[in-house]
Amino acid sequence: MGHPDKVSDQISDAIVDEILANDPDPANARVAVETLCTTGQVVVAGEVRTSHYVDVQRVVRETIRRIGYTDPSIGFSHDCGVLNAIHEQSADIAQGVDKASDVEGEQGAGDQGLMFG
């Protein structure tokens, strides 16, 4: 079995790809999603802003199947449980990101960042 972090990364990336490919206005879509994989279970959590409905269970299961986990006897497969804890992006975070982008040369930050000094 591959490293769970690598599987998790591919699942999160697939959710981002789903939103960017299908949102009518992908420039305004926002995705902050984390994924945890363990024996027989995937937990997907975070915040999104999109007008596209994402079938999270479908995306998770298709990604796991594409990676090659199709045999439940190894403890992890596309038949695993999927817990979807994704919710709408906080209005405060959206405001911080969007307002900064209105000022030339400025970049807004969500709830994560790197600080130096």
PDB file of N, CA and C in Angstrom:
ATOM      1  N   MET A   1       0.850  -1.182   0.000  1.00  0.00           N
ATOM      2  CA  MET A   1       0.000   0.000   0.000  1.00  0.00           C
ATOM      3  C   MET A   1       0.889   1.236   0.000  1.00  0.00           C
ATOM      4  N   GLY A   2       0.535   2.229  -0.797  1.00  0.00           N
ATOM      5  CA  GLY A   2       1.295   3.471  -0.856  1.00  0.00           C
ATOM      6  C   GLY A   2       1.107   4.306   0.399  1.00  0.00           C
ATOM      7  N   HIS A   3       1.864   5.363   0.506  1.00  0.00           N
ATOM      8  CA  HIS A   3       1.793   6.235   1.682  1.00  0.00           C
ATOM      9  C   HIS A   3       0.460   6.978   1.701  1.00  0.00           C
ATOM     10  N   PRO A   4      -0.240   6.973   2.850  1.00  0.00           N
ATOM     11  CA  PRO A   4      -1.561   7.624   2.919  1.00  0.00           C
ATOM     12  C   PRO A   4      -1.529   9.111   2.575  1.00  0.00           C
ATOM     13  N   ASP A   5      -0.408   9.795   2.869  1.00  0.00           N
ATOM     14  CA  ASP A   5      -0.327  11.221   2.527  1.00  0.00           C
ATOM     15  C   ASP A   5      -0.398  11.434   1.020  1.00  0.00           C
ATOM     16  N   LYS A   6       0.211  10.544   0.254  1.00  0.00           N
ATOM     17  CA  LYS A   6       0.202  10.672  -1.210  1.00  0.00           C
ATOM     18  C   LYS A   6      -1.201  10.429  -1.766  1.00  0.00           C
ATOM     19  N   VAL A   7      -1.905   9.459  -1.191  1.00  0.00           N
ATOM     20  CA  VAL A   7      -3.287   9.201  -1.597  1.00  0.00           C
ATOM     21  C   VAL A   7      -4.146  10.411  -1.242  1.00  0.00           C
ATOM     22  N   SER A   8      -3.961  10.931  -0.030  1.00  0.00           N
ATOM     23  CA  SER A   8      -4.719  12.104   0.418  1.00  0.00           C
ATOM     24  C   SER A   8      -4.490  13.293  -0.503  1.00  0.00           C
ATOM     25  N   ASP A   9      -3.233  13.520  -0.885  1.00  0.00           N
ATOM     26  CA  ASP A   9      -2.927  14.630  -1.794  1.00  0.00           C
ATOM     27  C   ASP A   9      -3.671  14.482  -3.116  1.00  0.00           C
ATOM     28  N   GLN A  10      -3.711  13.273  -3.645  1.00  0.00           N
ATOM     29  CA  GLN A  10      -4.392  13.062  -4.926  1.00  0.00           C
ATOM     30  C   GLN A  10      -5.896  13.281  -4.808  1.00  0.00           C
ATOM     31  N   ILE A  11      -6.471  12.909  -3.671  1.00  0.00           N
ATOM     32  CA  ILE A  11      -7.905  13.129  -3.463  1.00  0.00           C
ATOM     33  C   ILE A  11      -8.196  14.621  -3.373  1.00  0.00           C
ATOM     34  N   SER A  12      -7.411  15.353  -2.574  1.00  0.00           N
ATOM     35  CA  SER A  12      -7.611  16.806  -2.465  1.00  0.00           C
ATOM     36  C   SER A  12      -7.441  17.473  -3.823  1.00  0.00           C
ATOM     37  N   ASP A  13      -6.406  17.071  -4.562  1.00  0.00           N
ATOM     38  CA  ASP A  13      -6.178  17.633  -5.899  1.00  0.00           C
ATOM     39  C   ASP A  13      -7.351  17.348  -6.835  1.00  0.00           C
ATOM     40  N   ALA A  14      -7.932  16.160  -6.740  1.00  0.00           N
ATOM     41  CA  ALA A  14      -9.065  15.802  -7.603  1.00  0.00           C
ATOM     42  C   ALA A  14     -10.281  16.674  -7.302  1.00  0.00           C
ATOM     43  N   ILE A  15     -10.472  17.036  -6.039  1.00  0.00           N
ATOM     44  CA  ILE A  15     -11.586  17.919  -5.681  1.00  0.00           C
ATOM     45  C   ILE A  15     -11.346  19.314  -6.244  1.00  0.00           C
ATOM     46  N   VAL A  16     -10.117  19.813  -6.126  1.00  0.00           N
ATOM     47  CA  VAL A  16      -9.779  21.113  -6.722  1.00  0.00           C
ATOM     48  C   VAL A  16     -10.009  21.067  -8.231  1.00  0.00           C
ATOM     49  N   ASP A  17      -9.515  20.022  -8.883  1.00  0.00           N
ATOM     50  CA  ASP A  17      -9.687  19.883 -10.337  1.00  0.00           C
ATOM     51  C   ASP A  17     -11.159  19.862 -10.734  1.00  0.00           C
ATOM     52  N   GLU A  18     -11.979  19.145  -9.961  1.00  0.00           N
ATOM     53  CA  GLU A  18     -13.420  19.063 -10.235  1.00  0.00           C
ATOM     54  C   GLU A  18     -14.052  20.450 -10.198  1.00  0.00           C
ATOM     55  N   ILE A  19     -13.680  21.240  -9.208  1.00  0.00           N
ATOM     56  CA  ILE A  19     -14.257  22.582  -9.071  1.00  0.00           C
ATOM     57  C   ILE A  19     -13.764  23.495 -10.183  1.00  0.00           C
ATOM     58  N   LEU A  20     -12.462  23.510 -10.432  1.00  0.00           N
ATOM     59  CA  LEU A  20     -11.919  24.409 -11.456  1.00  0.00           C
ATOM     60  C   LEU A  20     -12.412  24.052 -12.856  1.00  0.00           C
ATOM     61  N   ALA A  21     -12.653  22.771 -13.110  1.00  0.00           N
ATOM     62  CA  ALA A  21     -13.117  22.347 -14.434  1.00  0.00           C
ATOM     63  C   ALA A  21     -14.599  22.618 -14.655  1.00  0.00           C
ATOM     64  N   ASN A  22     -15.377  22.745 -13.575  1.00  0.00           N
ATOM     65  CA  ASN A  22     -16.827  22.815 -13.738  1.00  0.00           C
ATOM     66  C   ASN A  22     -17.495  24.065 -13.191  1.00  0.00           C
ATOM     67  N   ASP A  23     -16.798  24.869 -12.405  1.00  0.00           N
ATOM     68  CA  ASP A  23     -17.401  26.100 -11.894  1.00  0.00           C
ATOM     69  C   ASP A  23     -17.559  27.070 -13.058  1.00  0.00           C
ATOM     70  N   PRO A  24     -18.733  27.696 -13.212  1.00  0.00           N
ATOM     71  CA  PRO A  24     -18.931  28.639 -14.311  1.00  0.00           C
ATOM     72  C   PRO A  24     -17.983  29.839 -14.242  1.00  0.00           C
ATOM     73  N   ASP A  25     -17.486  30.160 -13.050  1.00  0.00           N
ATOM     74  CA  ASP A  25     -16.554  31.276 -12.873  1.00  0.00           C
ATOM     75  C   ASP A  25     -15.375  30.807 -12.025  1.00  0.00           C
ATOM     76  N   PRO A  26     -14.489  29.974 -12.601  1.00  0.00           N
ATOM     77  CA  PRO A  26     -13.423  29.367 -11.806  1.00  0.00           C
ATOM     78  C   PRO A  26     -12.464  30.374 -11.174  1.00  0.00           C
ATOM     79  N   ALA A  27     -12.367  31.578 -11.726  1.00  0.00           N
ATOM     80  CA  ALA A  27     -11.484  32.585 -11.135  1.00  0.00           C
ATOM     81  C   ALA A  27     -11.967  33.013  -9.754  1.00  0.00           C
ATOM     82  N   ASN A  28     -13.246  32.866  -9.480  1.00  0.00           N
ATOM     83  CA  ASN A  28     -13.790  33.227  -8.173  1.00  0.00           C
ATOM     84  C   ASN A  28     -13.982  32.028  -7.250  1.00  0.00           C
ATOM     85  N   ALA A  29     -13.672  30.841  -7.719  1.00  0.00           N
ATOM     86  CA  ALA A  29     -13.787  29.652  -6.871  1.00  0.00           C
ATOM     87  C   ALA A  29     -12.652  29.649  -5.853  1.00  0.00           C
ATOM     88  N   ARG A  30     -12.942  29.161  -4.662  1.00  0.00           N
ATOM     89  CA  ARG A  30     -11.942  29.047  -3.601  1.00  0.00           C
ATOM     90  C   ARG A  30     -12.040  27.638  -3.027  1.00  0.00           C
ATOM     91  N   VAL A  31     -10.886  27.003  -2.818  1.00  0.00           N
ATOM     92  CA  VAL A  31     -10.874  25.642  -2.286  1.00  0.00           C
ATOM     93  C   VAL A  31      -9.758  25.523  -1.252  1.00  0.00           C
ATOM     94  N   ALA A  32     -10.117  25.133  -0.048  1.00  0.00           N
ATOM     95  CA  ALA A  32      -9.157  24.821   1.016  1.00  0.00           C
ATOM     96  C   ALA A  32      -9.607  23.493   1.616  1.00  0.00           C
ATOM     97  N   VAL A  33      -9.081  22.409   1.083  1.00  0.00           N
ATOM     98  CA  VAL A  33      -9.551  21.073   1.454  1.00  0.00           C
ATOM     99  C   VAL A  33      -8.376  20.232   1.947  1.00  0.00           C
ATOM    100  N   GLU A  34      -8.595  19.524   3.036  1.00  0.00           N
ATOM    101  CA  GLU A  34      -7.624  18.582   3.595  1.00  0.00           C
ATOM    102  C   GLU A  34      -8.244  17.189   3.558  1.00  0.00           C
ATOM    103  N   THR A  35      -7.409  16.181   3.362  1.00  0.00           N
ATOM    104  CA  THR A  35      -7.891  14.804   3.308  1.00  0.00           C
ATOM    105  C   THR A  35      -7.045  13.930   4.217  1.00  0.00           C
ATOM    106  N   LEU A  36      -7.711  13.019   4.918  1.00  0.00           N
ATOM    107  CA  LEU A  36      -7.054  12.043   5.779  1.00  0.00           C
ATOM    108  C   LEU A  36      -7.504  10.658   5.342  1.00  0.00           C
ATOM    109  N   CYS A  37      -6.555   9.767   5.131  1.00  0.00           N
ATOM    110  CA  CYS A  37      -6.865   8.380   4.768  1.00  0.00           C
ATOM    111  C   CYS A  37      -6.365   7.449   5.856  1.00  0.00           C
ATOM    112  N   THR A  38      -7.191   6.497   6.217  1.00  0.00           N
ATOM    113  CA  THR A  38      -6.805   5.457   7.161  1.00  0.00           C
ATOM    114  C   THR A  38      -7.487   4.164   6.729  1.00  0.00           C
ATOM    115  N   THR A  39      -7.266   3.106   7.461  1.00  0.00           N
ATOM    116  CA  THR A  39      -7.834   1.814   7.084  1.00  0.00           C
ATOM    117  C   THR A  39      -9.346   1.913   6.909  1.00  0.00           C
ATOM    118  N   GLY A  40      -9.806   1.684   5.698  1.00  0.00           N
ATOM    119  CA  GLY A  40     -11.234   1.640   5.409  1.00  0.00           C
ATOM    120  C   GLY A  40     -11.982   2.951   5.496  1.00  0.00           C
ATOM    121  N   GLN A  41     -11.276   4.079   5.577  1.00  0.00           N
ATOM    122  CA  GLN A  41     -11.969   5.358   5.790  1.00  0.00           C
ATOM    123  C   GLN A  41     -11.195   6.519   5.164  1.00  0.00           C
ATOM    124  N   VAL A  42     -11.939   7.465   4.589  1.00  0.00           N
ATOM    125  CA  VAL A  42     -11.383   8.728   4.101  1.00  0.00           C
ATOM    126  C   VAL A  42     -12.212   9.852   4.705  1.00  0.00           C
ATOM    127  N   VAL A  43     -11.521  10.860   5.238  1.00  0.00           N
ATOM    128  CA  VAL A  43     -12.183  12.051   5.766  1.00  0.00           C
ATOM    129  C   VAL A  43     -11.724  13.231   4.920  1.00  0.00           C
ATOM    130  N   VAL A  44     -12.674  13.959   4.356  1.00  0.00           N
ATOM    131  CA  VAL A  44     -12.382  15.149   3.561  1.00  0.00           C
ATOM    132  C   VAL A  44     -13.032  16.328   4.277  1.00  0.00           C
ATOM    133  N   ALA A  45     -12.229  17.345   4.593  1.00  0.00           N
ATOM    134  CA  ALA A  45     -12.747  18.487   5.351  1.00  0.00           C
ATOM    135  C   ALA A  45     -12.163  19.771   4.797  1.00  0.00           C
ATOM    136  N   GLY A  46     -12.854  20.866   5.042  1.00  0.00           N
ATOM    137  CA  GLY A  46     -12.346  22.163   4.635  1.00  0.00           C
ATOM    138  C   GLY A  46     -13.448  23.097   4.204  1.00  0.00           C
ATOM    139  N   GLU A  47     -13.021  24.143   3.487  1.00  0.00           N
ATOM    140  CA  GLU A  47     -13.938  25.188   3.039  1.00  0.00           C
ATOM    141  C   GLU A  47     -13.830  25.359   1.534  1.00  0.00           C
ATOM    142  N   VAL A  48     -14.957  25.580   0.887  1.00  0.00           N
ATOM    143  CA  VAL A  48     -14.962  25.876  -0.540  1.00  0.00           C
ATOM    144  C   VAL A  48     -15.934  27.006  -0.829  1.00  0.00           C
ATOM    145  N   ARG A  49     -15.665  27.707  -1.911  1.00  0.00           N
ATOM    146  CA  ARG A  49     -16.629  28.653  -2.469  1.00  0.00           C
ATOM    147  C   ARG A  49     -16.719  28.334  -3.951  1.00  0.00           C
ATOM    148  N   THR A  50     -17.868  27.841  -4.353  1.00  0.00           N
ATOM    149  CA  THR A  50     -18.101  27.471  -5.742  1.00  0.00           C
ATOM    150  C   THR A  50     -19.600  27.391  -5.973  1.00  0.00           C
ATOM    151  N   SER A  51     -20.004  27.607  -7.202  1.00  0.00           N
ATOM    152  CA  SER A  51     -21.416  27.412  -7.531  1.00  0.00           C
ATOM    153  C   SER A  51     -21.639  26.028  -8.140  1.00  0.00           C
ATOM    154  N   HIS A  52     -20.556  25.255  -8.270  1.00  0.00           N
ATOM    155  CA  HIS A  52     -20.642  23.899  -8.818  1.00  0.00           C
ATOM    156  C   HIS A  52     -20.859  22.896  -7.688  1.00  0.00           C
ATOM    157  N   TYR A  53     -21.847  22.016  -7.837  1.00  0.00           N
ATOM    158  CA  TYR A  53     -22.046  20.945  -6.865  1.00  0.00           C
ATOM    159  C   TYR A  53     -20.969  19.888  -7.078  1.00  0.00           C
ATOM    160  N   VAL A  54     -20.276  19.536  -6.011  1.00  0.00           N
ATOM    161  CA  VAL A  54     -19.253  18.501  -6.082  1.00  0.00           C
ATOM    162  C   VAL A  54     -19.771  17.249  -5.376  1.00  0.00           C
ATOM    163  N   ASP A  55     -19.848  16.161  -6.100  1.00  0.00           N
ATOM    164  CA  ASP A  55     -20.195  14.873  -5.507  1.00  0.00           C
ATOM    165  C   ASP A  55     -18.907  14.307  -4.906  1.00  0.00           C
ATOM    166  N   VAL A  56     -18.648  14.672  -3.657  1.00  0.00           N
ATOM    167  CA  VAL A  56     -17.381  14.344  -3.006  1.00  0.00           C
ATOM    168  C   VAL A  56     -17.167  12.831  -2.953  1.00  0.00           C
ATOM    169  N   GLN A  57     -18.193  12.077  -2.614  1.00  0.00           N
ATOM    170  CA  GLN A  57     -18.028  10.617  -2.556  1.00  0.00           C
ATOM    171  C   GLN A  57     -17.610  10.051  -3.906  1.00  0.00           C
ATOM    172  N   ARG A  58     -18.212  10.543  -4.977  1.00  0.00           N
ATOM    173  CA  ARG A  58     -17.849  10.061  -6.321  1.00  0.00           C
ATOM    174  C   ARG A  58     -16.397  10.395  -6.638  1.00  0.00           C
ATOM    175  N   VAL A  59     -15.997  11.646  -6.380  1.00  0.00           N
ATOM    176  CA  VAL A  59     -14.623  12.072  -6.678  1.00  0.00           C
ATOM    177  C   VAL A  59     -13.624  11.249  -5.864  1.00  0.00           C
ATOM    178  N   VAL A  60     -13.907  11.063  -4.578  1.00  0.00           N
ATOM    179  CA  VAL A  60     -13.006  10.286  -3.717  1.00  0.00           C
ATOM    180  C   VAL A  60     -12.891   8.854  -4.231  1.00  0.00           C
ATOM    181  N   ARG A  61     -14.011   8.212  -4.475  1.00  0.00           N
ATOM    182  CA  ARG A  61     -13.991   6.804  -4.896  1.00  0.00           C
ATOM    183  C   ARG A  61     -13.338   6.625  -6.274  1.00  0.00           C
ATOM    184  N   GLU A  62     -13.616   7.534  -7.211  1.00  0.00           N
ATOM    185  CA  GLU A  62     -12.984   7.444  -8.537  1.00  0.00           C
ATOM    186  C   GLU A  62     -11.476   7.618  -8.432  1.00  0.00           C
ATOM    187  N   THR A  63     -11.041   8.532  -7.576  1.00  0.00           N
ATOM    188  CA  THR A  63      -9.604   8.773  -7.408  1.00  0.00           C
ATOM    189  C   THR A  63      -8.924   7.544  -6.819  1.00  0.00           C
ATOM    190  N   ILE A  64      -9.519   6.966  -5.793  1.00  0.00           N
ATOM    191  CA  ILE A  64      -8.948   5.770  -5.169  1.00  0.00           C
ATOM    192  C   ILE A  64      -8.901   4.619  -6.170  1.00  0.00           C
ATOM    193  N   ARG A  65      -9.953   4.464  -6.954  1.00  0.00           N
ATOM    194  CA  ARG A  65      -9.994   3.405  -7.973  1.00  0.00           C
ATOM    195  C   ARG A  65      -8.912   3.651  -9.027  1.00  0.00           C
ATOM    196  N   ARG A  66      -8.768   4.903  -9.471  1.00  0.00           N
ATOM    197  CA  ARG A  66      -7.761   5.239 -10.487  1.00  0.00           C
ATOM    198  C   ARG A  66      -6.344   4.950  -9.985  1.00  0.00           C
ATOM    199  N   ILE A  67      -6.099   5.213  -8.704  1.00  0.00           N
ATOM    200  CA  ILE A  67      -4.783   4.940  -8.127  1.00  0.00           C
ATOM    201  C   ILE A  67      -4.504   3.434  -8.131  1.00  0.00           C
ATOM    202  N   GLY A  68      -5.563   2.626  -7.986  1.00  0.00           N
ATOM    203  CA  GLY A  68      -5.392   1.182  -8.051  1.00  0.00           C
ATOM    204  C   GLY A  68      -5.846   0.425  -6.824  1.00  0.00           C
ATOM    205  N   TYR A  69      -6.476   1.106  -5.890  1.00  0.00           N
ATOM    206  CA  TYR A  69      -6.969   0.433  -4.681  1.00  0.00           C
ATOM    207  C   TYR A  69      -8.377  -0.094  -4.930  1.00  0.00           C
ATOM    208  N   THR A  70      -8.442  -1.318  -5.433  1.00  0.00           N
ATOM    209  CA  THR A  70      -9.730  -1.924  -5.776  1.00  0.00           C
ATOM    210  C   THR A  70     -10.006  -3.204  -4.991  1.00  0.00           C
ATOM    211  N   ASP A  71      -9.069  -3.623  -4.151  1.00  0.00           N
ATOM    212  CA  ASP A  71      -9.212  -4.876  -3.402  1.00  0.00           C
ATOM    213  C   ASP A  71      -9.403  -4.582  -1.914  1.00  0.00           C
ATOM    214  N   PRO A  72     -10.626  -4.722  -1.393  1.00  0.00           N
ATOM    215  CA  PRO A  72     -10.890  -4.415   0.014  1.00  0.00           C
ATOM    216  C   PRO A  72     -10.095  -5.280   0.996  1.00  0.00           C
ATOM    217  N   SER A  73      -9.583  -6.427   0.561  1.00  0.00           N
ATOM    218  CA  SER A  73      -8.863  -7.316   1.478  1.00  0.00           C
ATOM    219  C   SER A  73      -7.541  -6.717   1.957  1.00  0.00           C
ATOM    220  N   ILE A  74      -7.036  -5.677   1.291  1.00  0.00           N
ATOM    221  CA  ILE A  74      -5.789  -5.052   1.749  1.00  0.00           C
ATOM    222  C   ILE A  74      -6.048  -3.968   2.797  1.00  0.00           C
ATOM    223  N   GLY A  75      -7.315  -3.711   3.119  1.00  0.00           N
ATOM    224  CA  GLY A  75      -7.646  -2.752   4.170  1.00  0.00           C
ATOM    225  C   GLY A  75      -8.030  -1.379   3.676  1.00  0.00           C
ATOM    226  N   PHE A  76      -7.889  -1.151   2.375  1.00  0.00           N
ATOM    227  CA  PHE A  76      -8.246   0.155   1.820  1.00  0.00           C
ATOM    228  C   PHE A  76      -8.600  -0.027   0.357  1.00  0.00           C
ATOM    229  N   SER A  77      -9.762   0.468  -0.026  1.00  0.00           N
ATOM    230  CA  SER A  77     -10.179   0.390  -1.427  1.00  0.00           C
ATOM    231  C   SER A  77     -11.209   1.478  -1.697  1.00  0.00           C
ATOM    232  N   HIS A  78     -11.660   1.535  -2.939  1.00  0.00           N
ATOM    233  CA  HIS A  78     -12.660   2.528  -3.332  1.00  0.00           C
ATOM    234  C   HIS A  78     -14.010   2.289  -2.668  1.00  0.00           C
ATOM    235  N   ASP A  79     -14.170   1.168  -1.978  1.00  0.00           N
ATOM    236  CA  ASP A  79     -15.403   0.877  -1.240  1.00  0.00           C
ATOM    237  C   ASP A  79     -15.353   1.375   0.203  1.00  0.00           C
ATOM    238  N   CYS A  80     -14.321   2.126   0.562  1.00  0.00           N
ATOM    239  CA  CYS A  80     -14.148   2.595   1.939  1.00  0.00           C
ATOM    240  C   CYS A  80     -15.246   3.592   2.326  1.00  0.00           C
ATOM    241  N   GLY A  81     -15.334   3.873   3.611  1.00  0.00           N
ATOM    242  CA  GLY A  81     -16.237   4.920   4.075  1.00  0.00           C
ATOM    243  C   GLY A  81     -15.683   6.281   3.701  1.00  0.00           C
ATOM    244  N   VAL A  82     -16.553   7.210   3.367  1.00  0.00           N
ATOM    245  CA  VAL A  82     -16.136   8.571   3.021  1.00  0.00           C
ATOM    246  C   VAL A  82     -16.932   9.541   3.888  1.00  0.00           C
ATOM    247  N   LEU A  83     -16.223  10.305   4.717  1.00  0.00           N
ATOM    248  CA  LEU A  83     -16.853  11.334   5.541  1.00  0.00           C
ATOM    249  C   LEU A  83     -16.581  12.686   4.901  1.00  0.00           C
ATOM    250  N   ASN A  84     -17.639  13.370   4.504  1.00  0.00           N
ATOM    251  CA  ASN A  84     -17.529  14.677   3.862  1.00  0.00           C
ATOM    252  C   ASN A  84     -17.828  15.761   4.898  1.00  0.00           C
ATOM    253  N   ALA A  85     -16.790  16.503   5.278  1.00  0.00           N
ATOM    254  CA  ALA A  85     -16.945  17.605   6.232  1.00  0.00           C
ATOM    255  C   ALA A  85     -16.552  18.926   5.574  1.00  0.00           C
ATOM    256  N   ILE A  86     -16.872  19.061   4.291  1.00  0.00           N
ATOM    257  CA  ILE A  86     -16.595  20.297   3.561  1.00  0.00           C
ATOM    258  C   ILE A  86     -17.780  21.232   3.743  1.00  0.00           C
ATOM    259  N   HIS A  87     -17.489  22.498   3.995  1.00  0.00           N
ATOM    260  CA  HIS A  87     -18.558  23.486   4.142  1.00  0.00           C
ATOM    261  C   HIS A  87     -18.196  24.745   3.362  1.00  0.00           C
ATOM    262  N   GLU A  88     -19.129  25.672   3.312  1.00  0.00           N
ATOM    263  CA  GLU A  88     -18.930  26.913   2.569  1.00  0.00           C
ATOM    264  C   GLU A  88     -17.829  27.744   3.223  1.00  0.00           C
ATOM    265  N   GLN A  89     -17.048  28.425   2.387  1.00  0.00           N
ATOM    266  CA  GLN A  89     -15.967  29.263   2.895  1.00  0.00           C
ATOM    267  C   GLN A  89     -16.506  30.358   3.801  1.00  0.00           C
ATOM    268  N   SER A  90     -15.815  30.597   4.893  1.00  0.00           N
ATOM    269  CA  SER A  90     -16.170  31.655   5.831  1.00  0.00           C
ATOM    270  C   SER A  90     -16.207  33.002   5.121  1.00  0.00           C
ATOM    271  N   ALA A  91     -17.219  33.804   5.418  1.00  0.00           N
ATOM    272  CA  ALA A  91     -17.338  35.136   4.813  1.00  0.00           C
ATOM    273  C   ALA A  91     -16.148  36.012   5.194  1.00  0.00           C
ATOM    274  N   ASP A  92     -15.628  35.870   6.416  1.00  0.00           N
ATOM    275  CA  ASP A  92     -14.469  36.661   6.846  1.00  0.00           C
ATOM    276  C   ASP A  92     -13.229  36.328   6.028  1.00  0.00           C
ATOM    277  N   ILE A  93     -13.004  35.041   5.791  1.00  0.00           N
ATOM    278  CA  ILE A  93     -11.846  34.640   4.991  1.00  0.00           C
ATOM    279  C   ILE A  93     -12.030  35.086   3.550  1.00  0.00           C
ATOM    280  N   ALA A  94     -13.219  34.914   3.008  1.00  0.00           N
ATOM    281  CA  ALA A  94     -13.485  35.341   1.631  1.00  0.00           C
ATOM    282  C   ALA A  94     -13.223  36.830   1.475  1.00  0.00           C
ATOM    283  N   GLN A  95     -13.647  37.628   2.458  1.00  0.00           N
ATOM    284  CA  GLN A  95     -13.443  39.076   2.394  1.00  0.00           C
ATOM    285  C   GLN A  95     -11.953  39.412   2.401  1.00  0.00           C
ATOM    286  N   GLY A  96     -11.174  38.734   3.252  1.00  0.00           N
ATOM    287  CA  GLY A  96      -9.737  38.999   3.316  1.00  0.00           C
ATOM    288  C   GLY A  96      -9.025  38.661   2.030  1.00  0.00           C
ATOM    289  N   VAL A  97      -9.433  37.590   1.392  1.00  0.00           N
ATOM    290  CA  VAL A  97      -8.814  37.182   0.132  1.00  0.00           C
ATOM    291  C   VAL A  97      -9.246  38.110  -0.995  1.00  0.00           C
ATOM    292  N   ASP A  98     -10.543  38.376  -1.092  1.00  0.00           N
ATOM    293  CA  ASP A  98     -11.071  39.159  -2.205  1.00  0.00           C
ATOM    294  C   ASP A  98     -10.698  40.632  -2.120  1.00  0.00           C
ATOM    295  N   LYS A  99     -10.743  41.215  -0.928  1.00  0.00           N
ATOM    296  CA  LYS A  99     -10.464  42.642  -0.779  1.00  0.00           C
ATOM    297  C   LYS A  99      -9.020  42.963  -1.167  1.00  0.00           C
ATOM    298  N   ALA A 100      -8.074  42.121  -0.765  1.00  0.00           N
ATOM    299  CA  ALA A 100      -6.672  42.359  -1.099  1.00  0.00           C
ATOM    300  C   ALA A 100      -6.437  42.269  -2.598  1.00  0.00           C
ATOM    301  N   SER A 101      -7.167  41.404  -3.280  1.00  0.00           N
ATOM    302  CA  SER A 101      -6.954  41.256  -4.720  1.00  0.00           C
ATOM    303  C   SER A 101      -7.448  42.469  -5.500  1.00  0.00           C
ATOM    304  N   ASP A 102      -8.239  43.336  -4.848  1.00  0.00           N
ATOM    305  CA  ASP A 102      -8.694  44.564  -5.496  1.00  0.00           C
ATOM    306  C   ASP A 102      -7.594  45.620  -5.562  1.00  0.00           C
ATOM    307  N   VAL A 103      -6.551  45.474  -4.744  1.00  0.00           N
ATOM    308  CA  VAL A 103      -5.454  46.439  -4.690  1.00  0.00           C
ATOM    309  C   VAL A 103      -4.288  45.877  -5.495  1.00  0.00           C
ATOM    310  N   GLU A 104      -3.819  46.657  -6.468  1.00  0.00           N
ATOM    311  CA  GLU A 104      -2.738  46.185  -7.326  1.00  0.00           C
ATOM    312  C   GLU A 104      -1.508  45.825  -6.497  1.00  0.00           C
ATOM    313  N   GLY A 105      -0.954  44.658  -6.769  1.00  0.00           N
ATOM    314  CA  GLY A 105       0.246  44.210  -6.078  1.00  0.00           C
ATOM    315  C   GLY A 105      -0.012  43.530  -4.745  1.00  0.00           C
ATOM    316  N   GLU A 106      -1.237  43.494  -4.306  1.00  0.00           N
ATOM    317  CA  GLU A 106      -1.565  42.863  -3.025  1.00  0.00           C
ATOM    318  C   GLU A 106      -2.142  41.470  -3.269  1.00  0.00           C
ATOM    319  N   GLN A 107      -1.890  40.601  -2.329  1.00  0.00           N
ATOM    320  CA  GLN A 107      -2.439  39.253  -2.406  1.00  0.00           C
ATOM    321  C   GLN A 107      -3.044  38.919  -1.059  1.00  0.00           C
ATOM    322  N   GLY A 108      -4.291  38.513  -1.064  1.00  0.00           N
ATOM    323  CA  GLY A 108      -4.961  38.154   0.182  1.00  0.00           C
ATOM    324  C   GLY A 108      -4.558  36.767   0.639  1.00  0.00           C
ATOM    325  N   ALA A 109      -4.766  36.514   1.913  1.00  0.00           N
ATOM    326  CA  ALA A 109      -4.471  35.202   2.479  1.00  0.00           C
ATOM    327  C   ALA A 109      -5.701  34.680   3.190  1.00  0.00           C
ATOM    328  N   GLY A 110      -5.877  33.382   3.134  1.00  0.00           N
ATOM    329  CA  GLY A 110      -6.978  32.750   3.854  1.00  0.00           C
ATOM    330  C   GLY A 110      -6.608  32.572   5.306  1.00  0.00           C
ATOM    331  N   ASP A 111      -6.772  31.374   5.807  1.00  0.00           N
ATOM    332  CA  ASP A 111      -6.509  31.109   7.217  1.00  0.00           C
ATOM    333  C   ASP A 111      -5.136  30.492   7.449  1.00  0.00           C
ATOM    334  N   GLN A 112      -4.290  30.471   6.429  1.00  0.00           N
ATOM    335  CA  GLN A 112      -2.947  29.932   6.571  1.00  0.00           C
ATOM    336  C   GLN A 112      -1.967  30.877   5.903  1.00  0.00           C
ATOM    337  N   GLY A 113      -0.757  30.909   6.410  1.00  0.00           N
ATOM    338  CA  GLY A 113       0.254  31.758   5.802  1.00  0.00           C
ATOM    339  C   GLY A 113       1.622  31.482   6.389  1.00  0.00           C
ATOM    340  N   LEU A 114       2.641  32.050   5.775  1.00  0.00           N
ATOM    341  CA  LEU A 114       4.011  31.959   6.263  1.00  0.00           C
ATOM    342  C   LEU A 114       4.431  33.336   6.745  1.00  0.00           C
ATOM    343  N   MET A 115       4.988  33.387   7.950  1.00  0.00           N
ATOM    344  CA  MET A 115       5.438  34.655   8.515  1.00  0.00           C
ATOM    345  C   MET A 115       6.947  34.605   8.729  1.00  0.00           C
ATOM    346  N   PHE A 116       7.616  35.688   8.432  1.00  0.00           N
ATOM    347  CA  PHE A 116       9.062  35.787   8.622  1.00  0.00           C
ATOM    348  C   PHE A 116       9.362  37.046   9.416  1.00  0.00           C
ATOM    349  N   GLY A 117      10.430  36.997  10.224  1.00  0.00           N
ATOM    350  CA  GLY A 117      10.885  38.203  10.932  1.00  0.00           C
ATOM    351  C   GLY A 117      10.548  38.259  12.368  1.00  0.00           C
TER     352      GLY A 117
END
